[in-house]
Amino acid sequence: MSHRIFQTVGDRRYVGLYSKGDISITPAGLPAAYHTEGEDRYLQIQLKPQFLQKVAAEAIETDISRLELVTEFRVRDPQIEQTLMMLRAELHKGGGWAGQLYVESLANVLAVHLLRQYSTMQPRVALYEGGLGDRHLFQITEYINAHLEEDIKLADLAELVGISQFHFSRLFKQSMKVSPHQYLLQQRVERAKQLLKTTKYSVVEIALQCGFNSHSHLSKQFRQLTGMTPKAYRLYIS
């Protein structure tokens, strides 16, 4: 269903029809207002200017002092739409620490795409191929397994190998065939399997020791990766 919308951004005005999938981009610092006719439902994502500047400094080959987003009242962009839907699903799910790693990865992808396609300069992003080297992969996997119960951030992992968060996510997936957050979940489930097998800790205790924010979060991820619940797995191996 389409809705008539009235938008003002800075000294520009727009009146037209909006429907599902239409995207509006508003640069920070500009006064903006809008109203619609009929029931209005939309997803609003705000990226701090400092975050965009940091991503630009790390991933983009240009003078970031001259880089700013441009106003777009109504565009169609399948990549932005897909990224926003994945962000929305993860934020509504409340995925815990692994979810935070996922959200950070998606935010970096979104920021780079906005800077490449909707900025005043449309800069080039250097894309590296070949994945991470064995030494870097060893550093990353050792760090993850040593800190499974902690709040692991994308910045922590990228800093270990000295590259940007955006490039780290891409190169890690090239090497491991899974994203950083998927690998983290896999390792937490593997740790849970070992604790279920070798200890008498409750599922709640094991969930917290493995970095899950609740026993239900552990159970959901455990079932997805093994096809059974933690309790069923413990009975199966006993």
C-alpha atoms as a PDB file:
ATOM      1  CA  MET A   1       0.000   0.000   0.000  1.00  0.00           C
ATOM      2  CA  SER A   2       1.278   3.480  -0.878  1.00  0.00           C
ATOM      3  CA  HIS A   3       1.068   6.548   1.384  1.00  0.00           C
ATOM      4  CA  ARG A   4       1.291  10.192   0.451  1.00  0.00           C
ATOM      5  CA  ILE A   5       4.208  11.815   2.242  1.00  0.00           C
ATOM      6  CA  PHE A   6       5.279  15.422   2.811  1.00  0.00           C
ATOM      7  CA  GLN A   7       8.976  15.856   3.581  1.00  0.00           C
ATOM      8  CA  THR A   8      11.231  18.805   4.317  1.00  0.00           C
ATOM      9  CA  VAL A   9      15.016  18.477   4.622  1.00  0.00           C
ATOM     10  CA  GLY A  10      16.912  21.731   4.957  1.00  0.00           C
ATOM     11  CA  ASP A  11      15.524  24.058   2.291  1.00  0.00           C
ATOM     12  CA  ARG A  12      14.243  21.218   0.082  1.00  0.00           C
ATOM     13  CA  ARG A  13      10.697  19.860  -0.010  1.00  0.00           C
ATOM     14  CA  TYR A  14       9.190  16.678  -1.400  1.00  0.00           C
ATOM     15  CA  VAL A  15       5.600  15.544  -1.858  1.00  0.00           C
ATOM     16  CA  GLY A  16       4.852  12.111  -3.281  1.00  0.00           C
ATOM     17  CA  LEU A  17       3.837   8.521  -2.701  1.00  0.00           C
ATOM     18  CA  TYR A  18       5.861   6.124  -0.587  1.00  0.00           C
ATOM     19  CA  SER A  19       5.464   2.354  -0.600  1.00  0.00           C
ATOM     20  CA  LYS A  20       7.238  -0.598   0.979  1.00  0.00           C
ATOM     21  CA  GLY A  21      10.919  -0.649   0.030  1.00  0.00           C
ATOM     22  CA  ASP A  22      11.250   3.093  -0.611  1.00  0.00           C
ATOM     23  CA  ILE A  23      14.222   4.650   1.188  1.00  0.00           C
ATOM     24  CA  SER A  24      14.932   8.195   2.314  1.00  0.00           C
ATOM     25  CA  ILE A  25      18.445   9.421   3.208  1.00  0.00           C
ATOM     26  CA  THR A  26      18.909  12.514   5.380  1.00  0.00           C
ATOM     27  CA  PRO A  27      22.396  13.885   6.153  1.00  0.00           C
ATOM     28  CA  ALA A  28      23.137  14.718   9.789  1.00  0.00           C
ATOM     29  CA  GLY A  29      22.858  18.347  10.849  1.00  0.00           C
ATOM     30  CA  LEU A  30      20.013  19.304   8.526  1.00  0.00           C
ATOM     31  CA  PRO A  31      16.601  20.195   9.990  1.00  0.00           C
ATOM     32  CA  ALA A  32      14.110  17.597   8.793  1.00  0.00           C
ATOM     33  CA  ALA A  33      10.389  16.949   9.202  1.00  0.00           C
ATOM     34  CA  TYR A  34       7.710  14.864   7.550  1.00  0.00           C
ATOM     35  CA  HIS A  35       4.125  13.729   7.856  1.00  0.00           C
ATOM     36  CA  THR A  36       1.980  11.256   5.967  1.00  0.00           C
ATOM     37  CA  GLU A  37      -1.618  10.640   5.092  1.00  0.00           C
ATOM     38  CA  GLY A  38      -2.931   7.375   6.526  1.00  0.00           C
ATOM     39  CA  GLU A  39      -1.257   4.830   8.779  1.00  0.00           C
ATOM     40  CA  ASP A  40       2.518   5.187   8.678  1.00  0.00           C
ATOM     41  CA  ARG A  41       4.969   2.384   9.525  1.00  0.00           C
ATOM     42  CA  TYR A  42       8.646   2.716   8.824  1.00  0.00           C
ATOM     43  CA  LEU A  43      12.098   1.690  10.026  1.00  0.00           C
ATOM     44  CA  GLN A  44      14.456   4.484  11.019  1.00  0.00           C
ATOM     45  CA  ILE A  45      18.188   3.852  11.374  1.00  0.00           C
ATOM     46  CA  GLN A  46      20.499   6.627  12.587  1.00  0.00           C
ATOM     47  CA  LEU A  47      24.268   6.438  12.071  1.00  0.00           C
ATOM     48  CA  LYS A  48      26.361   8.859  14.115  1.00  0.00           C
ATOM     49  CA  PRO A  49      28.576  11.173  12.020  1.00  0.00           C
ATOM     50  CA  GLN A  50      31.569  10.027  14.090  1.00  0.00           C
ATOM     51  CA  PHE A  51      30.874   6.417  13.096  1.00  0.00           C
ATOM     52  CA  LEU A  52      30.664   7.285   9.387  1.00  0.00           C
ATOM     53  CA  GLN A  53      33.894   9.270   9.632  1.00  0.00           C
ATOM     54  CA  LYS A  54      35.651   6.359  11.343  1.00  0.00           C
ATOM     55  CA  VAL A  55      34.478   3.879   8.701  1.00  0.00           C
ATOM     56  CA  ALA A  56      35.498   6.275   5.933  1.00  0.00           C
ATOM     57  CA  ALA A  57      38.955   6.798   7.439  1.00  0.00           C
ATOM     58  CA  GLU A  58      39.535   3.042   7.678  1.00  0.00           C
ATOM     59  CA  ALA A  59      37.982   1.746   4.457  1.00  0.00           C
ATOM     60  CA  ILE A  60      37.908   4.524   1.879  1.00  0.00           C
ATOM     61  CA  GLU A  61      40.732   6.018  -0.158  1.00  0.00           C
ATOM     62  CA  THR A  62      39.856   9.719  -0.177  1.00  0.00           C
ATOM     63  CA  ASP A  63      40.000  12.932   1.823  1.00  0.00           C
ATOM     64  CA  ILE A  64      37.270  12.290   4.399  1.00  0.00           C
ATOM     65  CA  SER A  65      37.062  15.974   5.366  1.00  0.00           C
ATOM     66  CA  ARG A  66      35.266  16.599   2.048  1.00  0.00           C
ATOM     67  CA  LEU A  67      32.980  13.587   2.347  1.00  0.00           C
ATOM     68  CA  GLU A  68      29.296  13.966   3.243  1.00  0.00           C
ATOM     69  CA  LEU A  69      26.034  12.240   2.419  1.00  0.00           C
ATOM     70  CA  VAL A  70      23.512  13.764   0.039  1.00  0.00           C
ATOM     71  CA  THR A  71      19.764  14.069   0.580  1.00  0.00           C
ATOM     72  CA  GLU A  72      17.615  11.448  -1.134  1.00  0.00           C
ATOM     73  CA  PHE A  73      13.842  11.648  -0.767  1.00  0.00           C
ATOM     74  CA  ARG A  74      12.805   8.418  -2.448  1.00  0.00           C
ATOM     75  CA  VAL A  75      15.185   5.782  -3.788  1.00  0.00           C
ATOM     76  CA  ARG A  76      15.137   2.034  -4.320  1.00  0.00           C
ATOM     77  CA  ASP A  77      18.284   0.202  -3.230  1.00  0.00           C
ATOM     78  CA  PRO A  78      18.042  -3.589  -2.749  1.00  0.00           C
ATOM     79  CA  GLN A  79      21.348  -3.747  -0.842  1.00  0.00           C
ATOM     80  CA  ILE A  80      20.287  -1.131   1.695  1.00  0.00           C
ATOM     81  CA  GLU A  81      16.864  -2.730   2.037  1.00  0.00           C
ATOM     82  CA  GLN A  82      18.349  -6.190   2.660  1.00  0.00           C
ATOM     83  CA  THR A  83      20.876  -4.848   5.190  1.00  0.00           C
ATOM     84  CA  LEU A  84      18.176  -2.926   7.070  1.00  0.00           C
ATOM     85  CA  MET A  85      15.880  -5.945   7.192  1.00  0.00           C
ATOM     86  CA  MET A  86      18.701  -8.070   8.628  1.00  0.00           C
ATOM     87  CA  LEU A  87      19.452  -5.370  11.200  1.00  0.00           C
ATOM     88  CA  ARG A  88      15.783  -5.132  12.130  1.00  0.00           C
ATOM     89  CA  ALA A  89      15.466  -8.910  12.533  1.00  0.00           C
ATOM     90  CA  GLU A  90      18.561  -9.118  14.735  1.00  0.00           C
ATOM     91  CA  LEU A  91      17.608  -6.166  16.933  1.00  0.00           C
ATOM     92  CA  HIS A  92      14.092  -7.532  17.457  1.00  0.00           C
ATOM     93  CA  LYS A  93      15.509 -10.971  18.223  1.00  0.00           C
ATOM     94  CA  GLY A  94      17.774  -9.732  21.000  1.00  0.00           C
ATOM     95  CA  GLY A  95      20.587 -12.066  20.030  1.00  0.00           C
ATOM     96  CA  GLY A  96      22.973 -11.302  22.880  1.00  0.00           C
ATOM     97  CA  TRP A  97      26.699 -10.809  22.410  1.00  0.00           C
ATOM     98  CA  ALA A  98      26.978 -12.778  19.180  1.00  0.00           C
ATOM     99  CA  GLY A  99      24.123 -10.600  17.921  1.00  0.00           C
ATOM    100  CA  GLN A 100      26.130  -7.484  18.753  1.00  0.00           C
ATOM    101  CA  LEU A 101      29.014  -8.714  16.612  1.00  0.00           C
ATOM    102  CA  TYR A 102      26.528  -9.288  13.788  1.00  0.00           C
ATOM    103  CA  VAL A 103      24.970  -5.831  14.167  1.00  0.00           C
ATOM    104  CA  GLU A 104      28.410  -4.191  14.077  1.00  0.00           C
ATOM    105  CA  SER A 105      29.254  -6.044  10.865  1.00  0.00           C
ATOM    106  CA  LEU A 106      25.983  -4.979   9.214  1.00  0.00           C
ATOM    107  CA  ALA A 107      26.453  -1.370  10.351  1.00  0.00           C
ATOM    108  CA  ASN A 108      29.873  -1.273   8.690  1.00  0.00           C
ATOM    109  CA  VAL A 109      28.477  -2.715   5.451  1.00  0.00           C
ATOM    110  CA  LEU A 110      25.670  -0.134   5.489  1.00  0.00           C
ATOM    111  CA  ALA A 111      28.043   2.766   6.174  1.00  0.00           C
ATOM    112  CA  VAL A 112      30.439   1.825   3.360  1.00  0.00           C
ATOM    113  CA  HIS A 113      27.571   1.417   0.878  1.00  0.00           C
ATOM    114  CA  LEU A 114      26.110   4.814   1.813  1.00  0.00           C
ATOM    115  CA  LEU A 115      29.487   6.503   1.446  1.00  0.00           C
ATOM    116  CA  ARG A 116      30.137   4.838  -1.916  1.00  0.00           C
ATOM    117  CA  GLN A 117      26.724   5.450  -3.463  1.00  0.00           C
ATOM    118  CA  TYR A 118      25.159   8.452  -1.684  1.00  0.00           C
ATOM    119  CA  SER A 119      27.977  10.853  -0.838  1.00  0.00           C
ATOM    120  CA  THR A 120      29.231  14.012  -2.506  1.00  0.00           C
ATOM    121  CA  MET A 121      32.356  12.251  -3.847  1.00  0.00           C
ATOM    122  CA  GLN A 122      31.331   8.568  -4.255  1.00  0.00           C
ATOM    123  CA  PRO A 123      34.839   7.355  -3.336  1.00  0.00           C
ATOM    124  CA  ARG A 124      36.500   4.082  -4.256  1.00  0.00           C
ATOM    125  CA  VAL A 125      36.792   1.358  -1.623  1.00  0.00           C
ATOM    126  CA  ALA A 126      39.839  -0.887  -1.840  1.00  0.00           C
ATOM    127  CA  LEU A 127      38.631  -4.512  -1.854  1.00  0.00           C
ATOM    128  CA  TYR A 128      41.214  -7.118  -0.939  1.00  0.00           C
ATOM    129  CA  GLU A 129      40.980 -10.711  -2.081  1.00  0.00           C
ATOM    130  CA  GLY A 130      42.454 -13.932  -0.769  1.00  0.00           C
ATOM    131  CA  GLY A 131      41.236 -13.877   2.807  1.00  0.00           C
ATOM    132  CA  LEU A 132      43.351 -13.739   5.966  1.00  0.00           C
ATOM    133  CA  GLY A 133      46.701 -15.480   6.237  1.00  0.00           C
ATOM    134  CA  ASP A 134      47.223 -18.512   8.463  1.00  0.00           C
ATOM    135  CA  ARG A 135      48.996 -16.506  11.170  1.00  0.00           C
ATOM    136  CA  HIS A 136      46.165 -13.995  11.406  1.00  0.00           C
ATOM    137  CA  LEU A 137      43.528 -16.738  11.399  1.00  0.00           C
ATOM    138  CA  PHE A 138      45.349 -18.455  14.258  1.00  0.00           C
ATOM    139  CA  GLN A 139      45.429 -15.173  16.217  1.00  0.00           C
ATOM    140  CA  ILE A 140      41.716 -14.592  15.677  1.00  0.00           C
ATOM    141  CA  THR A 141      40.512 -18.113  16.455  1.00  0.00           C
ATOM    142  CA  GLU A 142      42.731 -18.350  19.541  1.00  0.00           C
ATOM    143  CA  TYR A 143      41.391 -15.015  20.807  1.00  0.00           C
ATOM    144  CA  ILE A 144      37.779 -16.025  20.224  1.00  0.00           C
ATOM    145  CA  ASN A 145      38.170 -19.358  22.002  1.00  0.00           C
ATOM    146  CA  ALA A 146      39.953 -17.711  24.941  1.00  0.00           C
ATOM    147  CA  HIS A 147      37.168 -15.131  25.378  1.00  0.00           C
ATOM    148  CA  LEU A 148      33.982 -17.036  24.504  1.00  0.00           C
ATOM    149  CA  GLU A 149      32.205 -15.947  27.669  1.00  0.00           C
ATOM    150  CA  GLU A 150      32.999 -12.270  27.079  1.00  0.00           C
ATOM    151  CA  ASP A 151      31.507  -9.468  24.994  1.00  0.00           C
ATOM    152  CA  ILE A 152      33.609  -9.831  21.839  1.00  0.00           C
ATOM    153  CA  LYS A 153      33.371  -6.805  19.559  1.00  0.00           C
ATOM    154  CA  LEU A 154      34.168  -6.568  15.871  1.00  0.00           C
ATOM    155  CA  ALA A 155      36.693  -3.828  16.682  1.00  0.00           C
ATOM    156  CA  ASP A 156      38.555  -6.216  19.011  1.00  0.00           C
ATOM    157  CA  LEU A 157      39.013  -8.786  16.245  1.00  0.00           C
ATOM    158  CA  ALA A 158      39.919  -6.281  13.524  1.00  0.00           C
ATOM    159  CA  GLU A 159      42.480  -4.613  15.779  1.00  0.00           C
ATOM    160  CA  LEU A 160      44.279  -7.916  16.334  1.00  0.00           C
ATOM    161  CA  VAL A 161      45.262  -8.059  12.659  1.00  0.00           C
ATOM    162  CA  GLY A 162      45.466  -4.302  12.058  1.00  0.00           C
ATOM    163  CA  ILE A 163      42.755  -3.822   9.423  1.00  0.00           C
ATOM    164  CA  SER A 164      39.405  -2.033   9.261  1.00  0.00           C
ATOM    165  CA  GLN A 165      36.265  -3.693  10.606  1.00  0.00           C
ATOM    166  CA  PHE A 166      34.685  -3.671   7.127  1.00  0.00           C
ATOM    167  CA  HIS A 167      37.663  -5.402   5.502  1.00  0.00           C
ATOM    168  CA  PHE A 168      38.083  -7.794   8.419  1.00  0.00           C
ATOM    169  CA  SER A 169      34.531  -9.145   8.074  1.00  0.00           C
ATOM    170  CA  ARG A 170      34.962  -9.734   4.336  1.00  0.00           C
ATOM    171  CA  LEU A 171      38.392 -11.364   4.600  1.00  0.00           C
ATOM    172  CA  PHE A 172      37.398 -13.556   7.544  1.00  0.00           C
ATOM    173  CA  LYS A 173      34.425 -14.916   5.604  1.00  0.00           C
ATOM    174  CA  GLN A 174      36.594 -15.535   2.540  1.00  0.00           C
ATOM    175  CA  SER A 175      38.936 -17.633   4.692  1.00  0.00           C
ATOM    176  CA  MET A 176      36.520 -19.425   7.016  1.00  0.00           C
ATOM    177  CA  LYS A 177      33.424 -19.608   4.734  1.00  0.00           C
ATOM    178  CA  VAL A 178      31.335 -18.214   7.614  1.00  0.00           C
ATOM    179  CA  SER A 179      30.996 -14.700   9.022  1.00  0.00           C
ATOM    180  CA  PRO A 180      32.704 -13.747  12.332  1.00  0.00           C
ATOM    181  CA  HIS A 181      29.428 -13.877  14.268  1.00  0.00           C
ATOM    182  CA  GLN A 182      28.537 -17.308  12.821  1.00  0.00           C
ATOM    183  CA  TYR A 183      31.955 -18.650  13.783  1.00  0.00           C
ATOM    184  CA  LEU A 184      31.546 -17.229  17.292  1.00  0.00           C
ATOM    185  CA  LEU A 185      28.176 -18.972  17.676  1.00  0.00           C
ATOM    186  CA  GLN A 186      29.622 -22.258  16.427  1.00  0.00           C
ATOM    187  CA  GLN A 187      32.462 -22.114  18.939  1.00  0.00           C
ATOM    188  CA  ARG A 188      30.119 -21.275  21.798  1.00  0.00           C
ATOM    189  CA  VAL A 189      27.938 -24.257  20.931  1.00  0.00           C
ATOM    190  CA  GLU A 190      31.032 -26.484  20.758  1.00  0.00           C
ATOM    191  CA  ARG A 191      32.076 -25.277  24.222  1.00  0.00           C
ATOM    192  CA  ALA A 192      28.545 -25.984  25.483  1.00  0.00           C
ATOM    193  CA  LYS A 193      28.731 -29.523  24.081  1.00  0.00           C
ATOM    194  CA  GLN A 194      31.971 -30.148  25.973  1.00  0.00           C
ATOM    195  CA  LEU A 195      30.520 -28.836  29.238  1.00  0.00           C
ATOM    196  CA  LEU A 196      27.342 -30.893  28.799  1.00  0.00           C
ATOM    197  CA  LYS A 197      29.516 -33.956  28.259  1.00  0.00           C
ATOM    198  CA  THR A 198      32.098 -33.448  31.019  1.00  0.00           C
ATOM    199  CA  THR A 199      30.320 -31.521  33.820  1.00  0.00           C
ATOM    200  CA  LYS A 200      27.083 -31.536  35.784  1.00  0.00           C
ATOM    201  CA  TYR A 201      26.470 -27.817  35.376  1.00  0.00           C
ATOM    202  CA  SER A 202      22.882 -26.832  34.640  1.00  0.00           C
ATOM    203  CA  VAL A 203      21.963 -25.576  31.172  1.00  0.00           C
ATOM    204  CA  VAL A 204      21.597 -22.068  32.634  1.00  0.00           C
ATOM    205  CA  GLU A 205      25.133 -22.159  34.073  1.00  0.00           C
ATOM    206  CA  ILE A 206      26.557 -23.533  30.834  1.00  0.00           C
ATOM    207  CA  ALA A 207      24.801 -20.844  28.793  1.00  0.00           C
ATOM    208  CA  LEU A 208      26.448 -18.082  30.830  1.00  0.00           C
ATOM    209  CA  GLN A 209      29.865 -19.751  30.745  1.00  0.00           C
ATOM    210  CA  CYS A 210      29.673 -19.962  26.963  1.00  0.00           C
ATOM    211  CA  GLY A 211      28.694 -16.327  26.398  1.00  0.00           C
ATOM    212  CA  PHE A 212      24.967 -16.747  25.777  1.00  0.00           C
ATOM    213  CA  ASN A 213      22.678 -14.259  27.485  1.00  0.00           C
ATOM    214  CA  SER A 214      20.132 -16.897  28.569  1.00  0.00           C
ATOM    215  CA  HIS A 215      19.484 -20.626  28.492  1.00  0.00           C
ATOM    216  CA  SER A 216      16.804 -20.078  25.831  1.00  0.00           C
ATOM    217  CA  HIS A 217      19.331 -18.337  23.579  1.00  0.00           C
ATOM    218  CA  LEU A 218      21.716 -21.281  24.006  1.00  0.00           C
ATOM    219  CA  SER A 219      18.907 -23.762  23.343  1.00  0.00           C
ATOM    220  CA  LYS A 220      17.882 -21.999  20.136  1.00  0.00           C
ATOM    221  CA  GLN A 221      21.401 -21.855  18.703  1.00  0.00           C
ATOM    222  CA  PHE A 222      22.191 -25.387  19.938  1.00  0.00           C
ATOM    223  CA  ARG A 223      19.129 -26.805  18.200  1.00  0.00           C
ATOM    224  CA  GLN A 224      19.932 -24.971  14.959  1.00  0.00           C
ATOM    225  CA  LEU A 225      23.472 -26.388  14.839  1.00  0.00           C
ATOM    226  CA  THR A 226      22.930 -29.892  16.264  1.00  0.00           C
ATOM    227  CA  GLY A 227      19.260 -30.671  15.669  1.00  0.00           C
ATOM    228  CA  MET A 228      18.546 -31.240  19.370  1.00  0.00           C
ATOM    229  CA  THR A 229      18.226 -29.322  22.623  1.00  0.00           C
ATOM    230  CA  PRO A 230      21.060 -29.205  25.196  1.00  0.00           C
ATOM    231  CA  LYS A 231      19.082 -31.479  27.554  1.00  0.00           C
ATOM    232  CA  ALA A 232      18.423 -33.997  24.783  1.00  0.00           C
ATOM    233  CA  TYR A 233      22.107 -33.908  23.823  1.00  0.00           C
ATOM    234  CA  ARG A 234      23.160 -34.610  27.415  1.00  0.00           C
ATOM    235  CA  LEU A 235      20.800 -37.583  27.594  1.00  0.00           C
ATOM    236  CA  TYR A 236      22.019 -38.810  24.192  1.00  0.00           C
ATOM    237  CA  ILE A 237      25.698 -38.886  25.202  1.00  0.00           C
ATOM    238  CA  SER A 238      25.174 -40.222  28.724  1.00  0.00           C
END
